[in-house]
Amino acid sequence: MNQLSRETPEDHRSGFACFVGRPNAGKSTLTNALVGTKIAITSSKPQTTRHAIRGIVHRPDAQLVIVDTPGLHRPRTLLGQRLNDVVRSTWSEVDVIGFCVPANEKIGPGDRYIAGELAKVARRTPVVGIVTKTDLVPAQRVAEQLLALQEVMEFADLVPVSAVDGYQVGTLSDVLVAQLPEGPQLYPDGDLTDEPEQTLVAELIREAALEGVRDELPHSIAVTIEEMDNREGRDDLVDIYALVYVERPSQKGIVLGHKGSRLKEVGANARKQIEALLGTKVYLDLHIKVAKDWQRDPKQLRKLGF
């Protein structure tokens, strides 16, 4: 008998949840708050999540695996379509869906579009309405937003939360767990995500590259890890060689900055985050490459992992 099942209490629950919502609705920050560590990249730029990164919430009574999806939106490029496909295929595989709507923005056509799509799966999969970012508005506004959200579709439950100050994060965890089937642990204790380290490292570099970049760039940055290994003869140092891809030469200039100052800053910020993730010193070598219009080219999308 393996160690996992032997120690699992009788009414233990386990399963998968995912958060959906418009880009920038606070899904990644919420994932990080529930898991208790930074595994999904967060950025003030919409559309920063590319992969369905899973975070694992360990509780004595349950194991909740959170799948973090890209924001659903009306696609304009092939990349946009691929991202939407990721969202829909994720919905069909989880036990519960959390529909995130920020407290500080009126419910709009984008939210209604998602609700319409969710209504198609709601018969099979319970949908919990989540009002995020409650720390940004007065209590009265949160109450109004909950009422407005209730009008949009039938929910299994409604929860207001703030990932920033921790308000009701535990309650949300309880609500999601209540929708999971009974079952043993799916992952060993201590695992926080099943994403390969290289994927997480690439995401952290991309997050650092996105911060402070002008608005035309968020979709145009991709990162690949060319090489990642312990330096010979040293257990305390990992060498990482990474390529940052942009679509046009003019964008290369933006990411590089004056005499390479911007790229240096990106490298320093990313290195700090990567060292925290890996728990070791890191040497990070970053180079920028132009891959012309990669978002519209199926061959390039495949090469960059989409």
C-alpha atoms as a PDB file:
ATOM      1  CA  MET A   1       0.000   0.000   0.000  1.00  0.00           C
ATOM      2  CA  ASN A   2       1.534   3.349  -0.878  1.00  0.00           C
ATOM      3  CA  GLN A   3       2.147   6.037   1.697  1.00  0.00           C
ATOM      4  CA  LEU A   4      -0.416   8.429   0.190  1.00  0.00           C
ATOM      5  CA  SER A   5      -3.490   6.250   0.605  1.00  0.00           C
ATOM      6  CA  ARG A   6      -2.516   4.845   4.006  1.00  0.00           C
ATOM      7  CA  GLU A   7      -2.516   8.255   5.670  1.00  0.00           C
ATOM      8  CA  THR A   8      -5.619   9.584   3.953  1.00  0.00           C
ATOM      9  CA  PRO A   9      -8.579  10.027   6.356  1.00  0.00           C
ATOM     10  CA  GLU A  10     -11.846   8.370   5.386  1.00  0.00           C
ATOM     11  CA  ASP A  11     -13.886  11.357   4.188  1.00  0.00           C
ATOM     12  CA  HIS A  12     -10.920  13.034   2.486  1.00  0.00           C
ATOM     13  CA  ARG A  13     -11.792  14.944  -0.696  1.00  0.00           C
ATOM     14  CA  SER A  14      -9.580  15.579  -3.688  1.00  0.00           C
ATOM     15  CA  GLY A  15     -10.045  17.061  -7.120  1.00  0.00           C
ATOM     16  CA  PHE A  16      -9.534  19.909  -9.536  1.00  0.00           C
ATOM     17  CA  ALA A  17     -10.769  23.490  -9.628  1.00  0.00           C
ATOM     18  CA  CYS A  18     -10.130  26.253 -12.109  1.00  0.00           C
ATOM     19  CA  PHE A  19     -10.645  29.996 -12.084  1.00  0.00           C
ATOM     20  CA  VAL A  20     -12.023  31.722 -15.148  1.00  0.00           C
ATOM     21  CA  GLY A  21     -12.783  35.325 -15.866  1.00  0.00           C
ATOM     22  CA  ARG A  22     -11.849  38.228 -18.049  1.00  0.00           C
ATOM     23  CA  PRO A  23      -8.144  38.961 -18.390  1.00  0.00           C
ATOM     24  CA  ASN A  24      -6.820  40.655 -15.247  1.00  0.00           C
ATOM     25  CA  ALA A  25      -9.705  39.554 -13.003  1.00  0.00           C
ATOM     26  CA  GLY A  26      -7.255  38.466 -10.287  1.00  0.00           C
ATOM     27  CA  LYS A  27      -7.184  34.722 -11.031  1.00  0.00           C
ATOM     28  CA  SER A  28      -3.432  34.172 -10.678  1.00  0.00           C
ATOM     29  CA  THR A  29      -3.149  36.252  -7.490  1.00  0.00           C
ATOM     30  CA  LEU A  30      -6.002  34.215  -5.996  1.00  0.00           C
ATOM     31  CA  THR A  31      -4.286  30.943  -6.950  1.00  0.00           C
ATOM     32  CA  ASN A  32      -1.106  32.120  -5.214  1.00  0.00           C
ATOM     33  CA  ALA A  33      -3.059  33.166  -2.087  1.00  0.00           C
ATOM     34  CA  LEU A  34      -4.765  29.771  -1.820  1.00  0.00           C
ATOM     35  CA  VAL A  35      -1.589  27.780  -2.427  1.00  0.00           C
ATOM     36  CA  GLY A  36       0.376  30.137  -0.174  1.00  0.00           C
ATOM     37  CA  THR A  37       3.291  30.712  -2.519  1.00  0.00           C
ATOM     38  CA  LYS A  38       3.979  32.289  -5.869  1.00  0.00           C
ATOM     39  CA  ILE A  39       3.459  29.715  -8.610  1.00  0.00           C
ATOM     40  CA  ALA A  40       1.317  31.543 -11.158  1.00  0.00           C
ATOM     41  CA  ILE A  41       2.801  34.693 -12.639  1.00  0.00           C
ATOM     42  CA  THR A  42       0.969  37.860 -11.713  1.00  0.00           C
ATOM     43  CA  SER A  43       1.227  41.094 -13.601  1.00  0.00           C
ATOM     44  CA  SER A  44      -0.756  44.248 -14.041  1.00  0.00           C
ATOM     45  CA  LYS A  45      -0.796  43.442 -17.768  1.00  0.00           C
ATOM     46  CA  PRO A  46      -3.801  41.408 -18.934  1.00  0.00           C
ATOM     47  CA  GLN A  47      -3.157  38.125 -20.774  1.00  0.00           C
ATOM     48  CA  THR A  48       0.009  37.240 -18.915  1.00  0.00           C
ATOM     49  CA  THR A  49      -0.928  33.642 -18.092  1.00  0.00           C
ATOM     50  CA  ARG A  50      -0.148  31.260 -20.944  1.00  0.00           C
ATOM     51  CA  HIS A  51      -0.016  27.813 -19.413  1.00  0.00           C
ATOM     52  CA  ALA A  52      -2.581  25.984 -17.305  1.00  0.00           C
ATOM     53  CA  ILE A  53      -0.374  26.094 -14.221  1.00  0.00           C
ATOM     54  CA  ARG A  54      -1.597  23.962 -11.365  1.00  0.00           C
ATOM     55  CA  GLY A  55      -1.286  24.960  -7.748  1.00  0.00           C
ATOM     56  CA  ILE A  56      -1.876  22.389  -5.046  1.00  0.00           C
ATOM     57  CA  VAL A  57      -3.660  23.285  -1.789  1.00  0.00           C
ATOM     58  CA  HIS A  58      -2.872  20.729   0.946  1.00  0.00           C
ATOM     59  CA  ARG A  59      -5.382  20.471   3.805  1.00  0.00           C
ATOM     60  CA  PRO A  60      -5.829  17.740   6.432  1.00  0.00           C
ATOM     61  CA  ASP A  61      -9.285  16.999   4.977  1.00  0.00           C
ATOM     62  CA  ALA A  62      -8.655  17.610   1.286  1.00  0.00           C
ATOM     63  CA  GLN A  63      -6.336  18.241  -1.601  1.00  0.00           C
ATOM     64  CA  LEU A  64      -7.465  20.924  -4.011  1.00  0.00           C
ATOM     65  CA  VAL A  65      -5.585  21.187  -7.292  1.00  0.00           C
ATOM     66  CA  ILE A  66      -6.057  24.583  -8.932  1.00  0.00           C
ATOM     67  CA  VAL A  67      -5.681  24.910 -12.653  1.00  0.00           C
ATOM     68  CA  ASP A  68      -4.909  28.478 -13.614  1.00  0.00           C
ATOM     69  CA  THR A  69      -6.139  29.273 -17.121  1.00  0.00           C
ATOM     70  CA  PRO A  70      -5.519  32.229 -19.419  1.00  0.00           C
ATOM     71  CA  GLY A  71      -8.303  34.849 -19.447  1.00  0.00           C
ATOM     72  CA  LEU A  72     -11.074  34.085 -21.903  1.00  0.00           C
ATOM     73  CA  HIS A  73     -11.544  36.775 -24.531  1.00  0.00           C
ATOM     74  CA  ARG A  74     -12.745  37.248 -28.098  1.00  0.00           C
ATOM     75  CA  PRO A  75      -9.704  36.107 -30.082  1.00  0.00           C
ATOM     76  CA  ARG A  76      -8.052  38.257 -32.739  1.00  0.00           C
ATOM     77  CA  THR A  77      -5.017  36.101 -33.496  1.00  0.00           C
ATOM     78  CA  LEU A  78      -4.179  32.421 -33.733  1.00  0.00           C
ATOM     79  CA  LEU A  79      -2.529  32.706 -30.296  1.00  0.00           C
ATOM     80  CA  GLY A  80      -5.785  34.161 -28.958  1.00  0.00           C
ATOM     81  CA  GLN A  81      -7.695  31.169 -30.325  1.00  0.00           C
ATOM     82  CA  ARG A  82      -5.204  28.720 -28.831  1.00  0.00           C
ATOM     83  CA  LEU A  83      -5.524  30.420 -25.431  1.00  0.00           C
ATOM     84  CA  ASN A  84      -9.324  30.160 -25.567  1.00  0.00           C
ATOM     85  CA  ASP A  85      -9.042  26.462 -26.509  1.00  0.00           C
ATOM     86  CA  VAL A  86      -6.885  25.907 -23.405  1.00  0.00           C
ATOM     87  CA  VAL A  87      -9.616  27.495 -21.278  1.00  0.00           C
ATOM     88  CA  ARG A  88     -12.436  25.400 -22.711  1.00  0.00           C
ATOM     89  CA  SER A  89     -10.567  22.099 -22.548  1.00  0.00           C
ATOM     90  CA  THR A  90      -9.718  22.884 -18.898  1.00  0.00           C
ATOM     91  CA  TRP A  91     -13.380  23.507 -18.022  1.00  0.00           C
ATOM     92  CA  SER A  92     -14.364  20.079 -19.275  1.00  0.00           C
ATOM     93  CA  GLU A  93     -11.863  18.342 -16.971  1.00  0.00           C
ATOM     94  CA  VAL A  94     -12.333  19.984 -13.554  1.00  0.00           C
ATOM     95  CA  ASP A  95     -14.697  19.282 -10.618  1.00  0.00           C
ATOM     96  CA  VAL A  96     -15.580  22.904  -9.848  1.00  0.00           C
ATOM     97  CA  ILE A  97     -15.166  26.247 -11.640  1.00  0.00           C
ATOM     98  CA  GLY A  98     -14.644  29.621  -9.974  1.00  0.00           C
ATOM     99  CA  PHE A  99     -15.893  32.551 -12.088  1.00  0.00           C
ATOM    100  CA  CYS A 100     -13.908  35.634 -11.036  1.00  0.00           C
ATOM    101  CA  VAL A 101     -15.263  39.173 -11.356  1.00  0.00           C
ATOM    102  CA  PRO A 102     -13.334  42.089  -9.823  1.00  0.00           C
ATOM    103  CA  ALA A 103     -15.235  44.198  -7.266  1.00  0.00           C
ATOM    104  CA  ASN A 104     -13.874  47.450  -8.693  1.00  0.00           C
ATOM    105  CA  GLU A 105     -15.190  47.059 -12.264  1.00  0.00           C
ATOM    106  CA  LYS A 106     -18.763  46.963 -13.521  1.00  0.00           C
ATOM    107  CA  ILE A 107     -19.933  43.635 -14.925  1.00  0.00           C
ATOM    108  CA  GLY A 108     -19.637  44.073 -18.681  1.00  0.00           C
ATOM    109  CA  PRO A 109     -20.144  42.290 -22.016  1.00  0.00           C
ATOM    110  CA  GLY A 110     -16.904  40.306 -21.501  1.00  0.00           C
ATOM    111  CA  ASP A 111     -18.246  38.829 -18.258  1.00  0.00           C
ATOM    112  CA  ARG A 112     -21.606  38.043 -19.849  1.00  0.00           C
ATOM    113  CA  TYR A 113     -19.858  36.338 -22.761  1.00  0.00           C
ATOM    114  CA  ILE A 114     -17.996  34.067 -20.309  1.00  0.00           C
ATOM    115  CA  ALA A 115     -21.174  33.423 -18.283  1.00  0.00           C
ATOM    116  CA  GLY A 116     -22.898  32.355 -21.516  1.00  0.00           C
ATOM    117  CA  GLU A 117     -20.088  29.884 -22.210  1.00  0.00           C
ATOM    118  CA  LEU A 118     -20.136  28.656 -18.593  1.00  0.00           C
ATOM    119  CA  ALA A 119     -23.892  28.089 -18.647  1.00  0.00           C
ATOM    120  CA  LYS A 120     -23.213  25.289 -21.156  1.00  0.00           C
ATOM    121  CA  VAL A 121     -21.095  23.334 -18.640  1.00  0.00           C
ATOM    122  CA  ALA A 122     -22.912  24.389 -15.431  1.00  0.00           C
ATOM    123  CA  ARG A 123     -25.263  21.399 -15.617  1.00  0.00           C
ATOM    124  CA  ARG A 124     -22.307  19.021 -15.250  1.00  0.00           C
ATOM    125  CA  THR A 125     -19.839  21.162 -13.308  1.00  0.00           C
ATOM    126  CA  PRO A 126     -20.739  23.445 -10.367  1.00  0.00           C
ATOM    127  CA  VAL A 127     -19.774  27.097 -10.888  1.00  0.00           C
ATOM    128  CA  VAL A 128     -18.931  29.311  -7.884  1.00  0.00           C
ATOM    129  CA  GLY A 129     -19.200  33.088  -8.370  1.00  0.00           C
ATOM    130  CA  ILE A 130     -16.192  34.922  -6.887  1.00  0.00           C
ATOM    131  CA  VAL A 131     -15.990  38.690  -6.415  1.00  0.00           C
ATOM    132  CA  THR A 132     -12.247  39.444  -6.274  1.00  0.00           C
ATOM    133  CA  LYS A 133     -10.236  42.521  -5.206  1.00  0.00           C
ATOM    134  CA  THR A 134     -12.694  43.454  -2.418  1.00  0.00           C
ATOM    135  CA  ASP A 135      -9.871  45.408  -0.731  1.00  0.00           C
ATOM    136  CA  LEU A 136     -10.167  48.073  -3.459  1.00  0.00           C
ATOM    137  CA  VAL A 137     -13.776  49.130  -2.752  1.00  0.00           C
ATOM    138  CA  PRO A 138     -16.088  49.883   0.212  1.00  0.00           C
ATOM    139  CA  ALA A 139     -18.293  47.070   1.615  1.00  0.00           C
ATOM    140  CA  GLN A 140     -21.410  48.589   0.027  1.00  0.00           C
ATOM    141  CA  ARG A 141     -19.857  48.223  -3.444  1.00  0.00           C
ATOM    142  CA  VAL A 142     -18.974  44.557  -2.739  1.00  0.00           C
ATOM    143  CA  ALA A 143     -22.614  43.878  -1.800  1.00  0.00           C
ATOM    144  CA  GLU A 144     -23.819  45.558  -5.026  1.00  0.00           C
ATOM    145  CA  GLN A 145     -21.376  43.531  -7.095  1.00  0.00           C
ATOM    146  CA  LEU A 146     -22.556  40.267  -5.490  1.00  0.00           C
ATOM    147  CA  LEU A 147     -26.165  41.149  -6.350  1.00  0.00           C
ATOM    148  CA  ALA A 148     -25.192  42.080  -9.918  1.00  0.00           C
ATOM    149  CA  LEU A 149     -23.238  38.820 -10.330  1.00  0.00           C
ATOM    150  CA  GLN A 150     -26.228  36.802  -9.081  1.00  0.00           C
ATOM    151  CA  GLU A 151     -28.236  38.148 -12.034  1.00  0.00           C
ATOM    152  CA  VAL A 152     -25.713  36.864 -14.570  1.00  0.00           C
ATOM    153  CA  MET A 153     -26.247  33.108 -14.065  1.00  0.00           C
ATOM    154  CA  GLU A 154     -27.136  30.360 -11.547  1.00  0.00           C
ATOM    155  CA  PHE A 155     -24.216  29.765  -9.165  1.00  0.00           C
ATOM    156  CA  ALA A 156     -23.609  26.901  -6.746  1.00  0.00           C
ATOM    157  CA  ASP A 157     -22.306  29.548  -4.296  1.00  0.00           C
ATOM    158  CA  LEU A 158     -21.117  33.178  -4.184  1.00  0.00           C
ATOM    159  CA  VAL A 159     -18.000  34.336  -2.299  1.00  0.00           C
ATOM    160  CA  PRO A 160     -16.344  37.768  -2.030  1.00  0.00           C
ATOM    161  CA  VAL A 161     -12.555  37.571  -1.482  1.00  0.00           C
ATOM    162  CA  SER A 162      -9.378  39.605  -1.393  1.00  0.00           C
ATOM    163  CA  ALA A 163      -6.169  37.767  -2.213  1.00  0.00           C
ATOM    164  CA  VAL A 164      -4.215  40.838  -1.107  1.00  0.00           C
ATOM    165  CA  ASP A 165      -5.404  41.065   2.513  1.00  0.00           C
ATOM    166  CA  GLY A 166      -6.510  37.415   2.803  1.00  0.00           C
ATOM    167  CA  TYR A 167     -10.190  38.266   3.333  1.00  0.00           C
ATOM    168  CA  GLN A 168     -12.299  35.061   2.985  1.00  0.00           C
ATOM    169  CA  VAL A 169      -9.532  33.095   1.232  1.00  0.00           C
ATOM    170  CA  GLY A 170     -10.104  30.259   3.749  1.00  0.00           C
ATOM    171  CA  THR A 171     -13.868  30.432   3.171  1.00  0.00           C
ATOM    172  CA  LEU A 172     -13.349  30.145  -0.592  1.00  0.00           C
ATOM    173  CA  SER A 173     -11.115  27.119  -0.029  1.00  0.00           C
ATOM    174  CA  ASP A 174     -13.940  25.487   2.024  1.00  0.00           C
ATOM    175  CA  VAL A 175     -16.555  26.269  -0.643  1.00  0.00           C
ATOM    176  CA  LEU A 176     -14.436  24.776  -3.442  1.00  0.00           C
ATOM    177  CA  VAL A 177     -13.482  21.701  -1.406  1.00  0.00           C
ATOM    178  CA  ALA A 178     -17.167  21.032  -0.639  1.00  0.00           C
ATOM    179  CA  GLN A 179     -17.702  20.501  -4.386  1.00  0.00           C
ATOM    180  CA  LEU A 180     -14.913  17.907  -4.743  1.00  0.00           C
ATOM    181  CA  PRO A 181     -15.526  14.158  -4.788  1.00  0.00           C
ATOM    182  CA  GLU A 182     -14.239  11.994  -1.941  1.00  0.00           C
ATOM    183  CA  GLY A 183     -10.878  10.470  -2.751  1.00  0.00           C
ATOM    184  CA  PRO A 184      -7.233  10.055  -1.734  1.00  0.00           C
ATOM    185  CA  GLN A 185      -4.430  12.601  -2.189  1.00  0.00           C
ATOM    186  CA  LEU A 186      -3.437  13.068  -5.815  1.00  0.00           C
ATOM    187  CA  TYR A 187       0.003  14.544  -5.126  1.00  0.00           C
ATOM    188  CA  PRO A 188       2.624  13.965  -2.399  1.00  0.00           C
ATOM    189  CA  ASP A 189       2.721  16.367   0.590  1.00  0.00           C
ATOM    190  CA  GLY A 190       4.874  19.388  -0.087  1.00  0.00           C
ATOM    191  CA  ASP A 191       4.275  19.453  -3.852  1.00  0.00           C
ATOM    192  CA  LEU A 192       2.959  22.894  -4.791  1.00  0.00           C
ATOM    193  CA  THR A 193       2.703  22.528  -8.556  1.00  0.00           C
ATOM    194  CA  ASP A 194       3.207  19.859 -11.215  1.00  0.00           C
ATOM    195  CA  GLU A 195       4.674  22.294 -13.706  1.00  0.00           C
ATOM    196  CA  PRO A 196       8.247  21.494 -14.707  1.00  0.00           C
ATOM    197  CA  GLU A 197      10.719  23.933 -13.122  1.00  0.00           C
ATOM    198  CA  GLN A 198      11.820  25.166 -16.546  1.00  0.00           C
ATOM    199  CA  THR A 199       8.253  26.276 -17.357  1.00  0.00           C
ATOM    200  CA  LEU A 200       8.020  28.210 -14.085  1.00  0.00           C
ATOM    201  CA  VAL A 201      11.437  29.796 -14.660  1.00  0.00           C
ATOM    202  CA  ALA A 202      10.422  30.878 -18.186  1.00  0.00           C
ATOM    203  CA  GLU A 203       7.193  32.386 -16.761  1.00  0.00           C
ATOM    204  CA  LEU A 204       9.122  34.337 -14.104  1.00  0.00           C
ATOM    205  CA  ILE A 205      11.433  35.778 -16.767  1.00  0.00           C
ATOM    206  CA  ARG A 206       8.428  36.722 -18.904  1.00  0.00           C
ATOM    207  CA  GLU A 207       6.755  38.381 -15.920  1.00  0.00           C
ATOM    208  CA  ALA A 208       9.889  40.450 -15.243  1.00  0.00           C
ATOM    209  CA  ALA A 209      10.095  41.424 -18.928  1.00  0.00           C
ATOM    210  CA  LEU A 210       6.436  42.542 -18.941  1.00  0.00           C
ATOM    211  CA  GLU A 211       6.646  44.847 -15.935  1.00  0.00           C
ATOM    212  CA  GLY A 212       6.851  48.477 -16.999  1.00  0.00           C
ATOM    213  CA  VAL A 213       6.814  47.713 -20.727  1.00  0.00           C
ATOM    214  CA  ARG A 214       4.527  49.854 -22.854  1.00  0.00           C
ATOM    215  CA  ASP A 215       1.028  48.540 -23.501  1.00  0.00           C
ATOM    216  CA  GLU A 216       1.669  47.256 -27.019  1.00  0.00           C
ATOM    217  CA  LEU A 217       3.977  44.487 -25.815  1.00  0.00           C
ATOM    218  CA  PRO A 218       2.174  42.060 -23.484  1.00  0.00           C
ATOM    219  CA  HIS A 219       1.224  39.529 -26.140  1.00  0.00           C
ATOM    220  CA  SER A 220       4.469  39.865 -28.033  1.00  0.00           C
ATOM    221  CA  ILE A 221       6.849  38.379 -25.471  1.00  0.00           C
ATOM    222  CA  ALA A 222       7.628  34.680 -25.219  1.00  0.00           C
ATOM    223  CA  VAL A 223      10.498  33.034 -23.340  1.00  0.00           C
ATOM    224  CA  THR A 224      12.262  29.730 -23.935  1.00  0.00           C
ATOM    225  CA  ILE A 225      14.871  28.130 -21.675  1.00  0.00           C
ATOM    226  CA  GLU A 226      17.703  26.924 -23.875  1.00  0.00           C
ATOM    227  CA  GLU A 227      19.731  25.366 -21.084  1.00  0.00           C
ATOM    228  CA  MET A 228      19.344  24.963 -17.324  1.00  0.00           C
ATOM    229  CA  ASP A 229      21.812  22.973 -15.258  1.00  0.00           C
ATOM    230  CA  ASN A 230      23.929  22.983 -12.128  1.00  0.00           C
ATOM    231  CA  ARG A 231      27.338  24.490 -12.794  1.00  0.00           C
ATOM    232  CA  GLU A 232      29.960  21.754 -12.929  1.00  0.00           C
ATOM    233  CA  GLY A 233      31.360  20.971  -9.512  1.00  0.00           C
ATOM    234  CA  ARG A 234      28.861  23.256  -7.715  1.00  0.00           C
ATOM    235  CA  ASP A 235      25.579  22.244  -6.055  1.00  0.00           C
ATOM    236  CA  ASP A 236      24.747  25.812  -5.015  1.00  0.00           C
ATOM    237  CA  LEU A 237      24.667  27.444  -8.474  1.00  0.00           C
ATOM    238  CA  VAL A 238      22.364  26.900 -11.446  1.00  0.00           C
ATOM    239  CA  ASP A 239      23.259  28.291 -14.882  1.00  0.00           C
ATOM    240  CA  ILE A 240      20.237  29.348 -16.949  1.00  0.00           C
ATOM    241  CA  TYR A 241      20.424  30.431 -20.594  1.00  0.00           C
ATOM    242  CA  ALA A 242      17.164  31.915 -21.841  1.00  0.00           C
ATOM    243  CA  LEU A 243      15.865  33.600 -24.989  1.00  0.00           C
ATOM    244  CA  VAL A 244      13.264  36.363 -24.884  1.00  0.00           C
ATOM    245  CA  TYR A 245      11.305  36.476 -28.162  1.00  0.00           C
ATOM    246  CA  VAL A 246       9.620  39.576 -29.558  1.00  0.00           C
ATOM    247  CA  GLU A 247       7.834  40.035 -32.886  1.00  0.00           C
ATOM    248  CA  ARG A 248       9.543  43.106 -34.336  1.00  0.00           C
ATOM    249  CA  PRO A 249      12.967  44.768 -34.213  1.00  0.00           C
ATOM    250  CA  SER A 250      11.378  47.928 -32.721  1.00  0.00           C
ATOM    251  CA  GLN A 251      10.152  45.824 -29.772  1.00  0.00           C
ATOM    252  CA  LYS A 252      13.647  44.476 -29.247  1.00  0.00           C
ATOM    253  CA  GLY A 253      14.752  48.051 -28.595  1.00  0.00           C
ATOM    254  CA  ILE A 254      11.990  48.548 -26.017  1.00  0.00           C
ATOM    255  CA  VAL A 255      12.944  45.430 -24.047  1.00  0.00           C
ATOM    256  CA  LEU A 256      16.682  46.163 -24.302  1.00  0.00           C
ATOM    257  CA  GLY A 257      16.379  49.760 -23.127  1.00  0.00           C
ATOM    258  CA  HIS A 258      19.120  52.388 -23.330  1.00  0.00           C
ATOM    259  CA  LYS A 259      22.473  50.585 -23.676  1.00  0.00           C
ATOM    260  CA  GLY A 260      20.810  47.359 -22.462  1.00  0.00           C
ATOM    261  CA  SER A 261      19.773  48.881 -19.119  1.00  0.00           C
ATOM    262  CA  ARG A 262      16.203  47.582 -19.281  1.00  0.00           C
ATOM    263  CA  LEU A 263      17.252  43.983 -20.035  1.00  0.00           C
ATOM    264  CA  LYS A 264      19.754  44.129 -17.141  1.00  0.00           C
ATOM    265  CA  GLU A 265      16.935  45.162 -14.817  1.00  0.00           C
ATOM    266  CA  VAL A 266      14.693  42.376 -16.153  1.00  0.00           C
ATOM    267  CA  GLY A 267      17.508  39.885 -15.521  1.00  0.00           C
ATOM    268  CA  ALA A 268      18.104  41.105 -11.965  1.00  0.00           C
ATOM    269  CA  ASN A 269      14.381  40.993 -11.064  1.00  0.00           C
ATOM    270  CA  ALA A 270      13.853  37.572 -12.655  1.00  0.00           C
ATOM    271  CA  ARG A 271      16.965  36.178 -10.976  1.00  0.00           C
ATOM    272  CA  LYS A 272      15.681  37.143  -7.496  1.00  0.00           C
ATOM    273  CA  GLN A 273      12.363  35.354  -8.137  1.00  0.00           C
ATOM    274  CA  ILE A 274      14.048  32.282  -9.667  1.00  0.00           C
ATOM    275  CA  GLU A 275      16.467  31.994  -6.736  1.00  0.00           C
ATOM    276  CA  ALA A 276      13.502  32.054  -4.338  1.00  0.00           C
ATOM    277  CA  LEU A 277      11.755  29.362  -6.412  1.00  0.00           C
ATOM    278  CA  LEU A 278      14.765  27.048  -6.746  1.00  0.00           C
ATOM    279  CA  GLY A 279      16.326  27.809  -3.354  1.00  0.00           C
ATOM    280  CA  THR A 280      19.775  28.213  -4.895  1.00  0.00           C
ATOM    281  CA  LYS A 281      22.020  30.865  -6.468  1.00  0.00           C
ATOM    282  CA  VAL A 282      21.372  31.473 -10.153  1.00  0.00           C
ATOM    283  CA  TYR A 283      23.457  32.761 -13.053  1.00  0.00           C
ATOM    284  CA  LEU A 284      20.999  34.039 -15.662  1.00  0.00           C
ATOM    285  CA  ASP A 285      22.040  34.715 -19.249  1.00  0.00           C
ATOM    286  CA  LEU A 286      19.333  36.545 -21.239  1.00  0.00           C
ATOM    287  CA  HIS A 287      19.274  37.272 -24.962  1.00  0.00           C
ATOM    288  CA  ILE A 288      16.548  38.839 -27.119  1.00  0.00           C
ATOM    289  CA  LYS A 289      15.508  37.357 -30.454  1.00  0.00           C
ATOM    290  CA  VAL A 290      13.073  38.638 -33.068  1.00  0.00           C
ATOM    291  CA  ALA A 291      10.636  35.976 -34.332  1.00  0.00           C
ATOM    292  CA  LYS A 292       8.589  37.863 -36.889  1.00  0.00           C
ATOM    293  CA  ASP A 293       4.818  37.819 -36.150  1.00  0.00           C
ATOM    294  CA  TRP A 294       5.138  34.605 -34.123  1.00  0.00           C
ATOM    295  CA  GLN A 295       1.586  34.909 -32.754  1.00  0.00           C
ATOM    296  CA  ARG A 296       0.111  34.330 -36.203  1.00  0.00           C
ATOM    297  CA  ASP A 297       2.476  31.580 -37.353  1.00  0.00           C
ATOM    298  CA  PRO A 298       1.481  28.005 -36.359  1.00  0.00           C
ATOM    299  CA  LYS A 299       5.045  26.732 -36.790  1.00  0.00           C
ATOM    300  CA  GLN A 300       6.526  29.384 -34.503  1.00  0.00           C
ATOM    301  CA  LEU A 301       3.699  28.936 -31.954  1.00  0.00           C
ATOM    302  CA  ARG A 302       4.556  25.241 -31.726  1.00  0.00           C
ATOM    303  CA  LYS A 303       8.253  26.005 -31.321  1.00  0.00           C
ATOM    304  CA  LEU A 304       7.496  28.436 -28.482  1.00  0.00           C
ATOM    305  CA  GLY A 305       5.310  25.882 -26.724  1.00  0.00           C
ATOM    306  CA  PHE A 306       1.739  26.847 -27.693  1.00  0.00           C
END
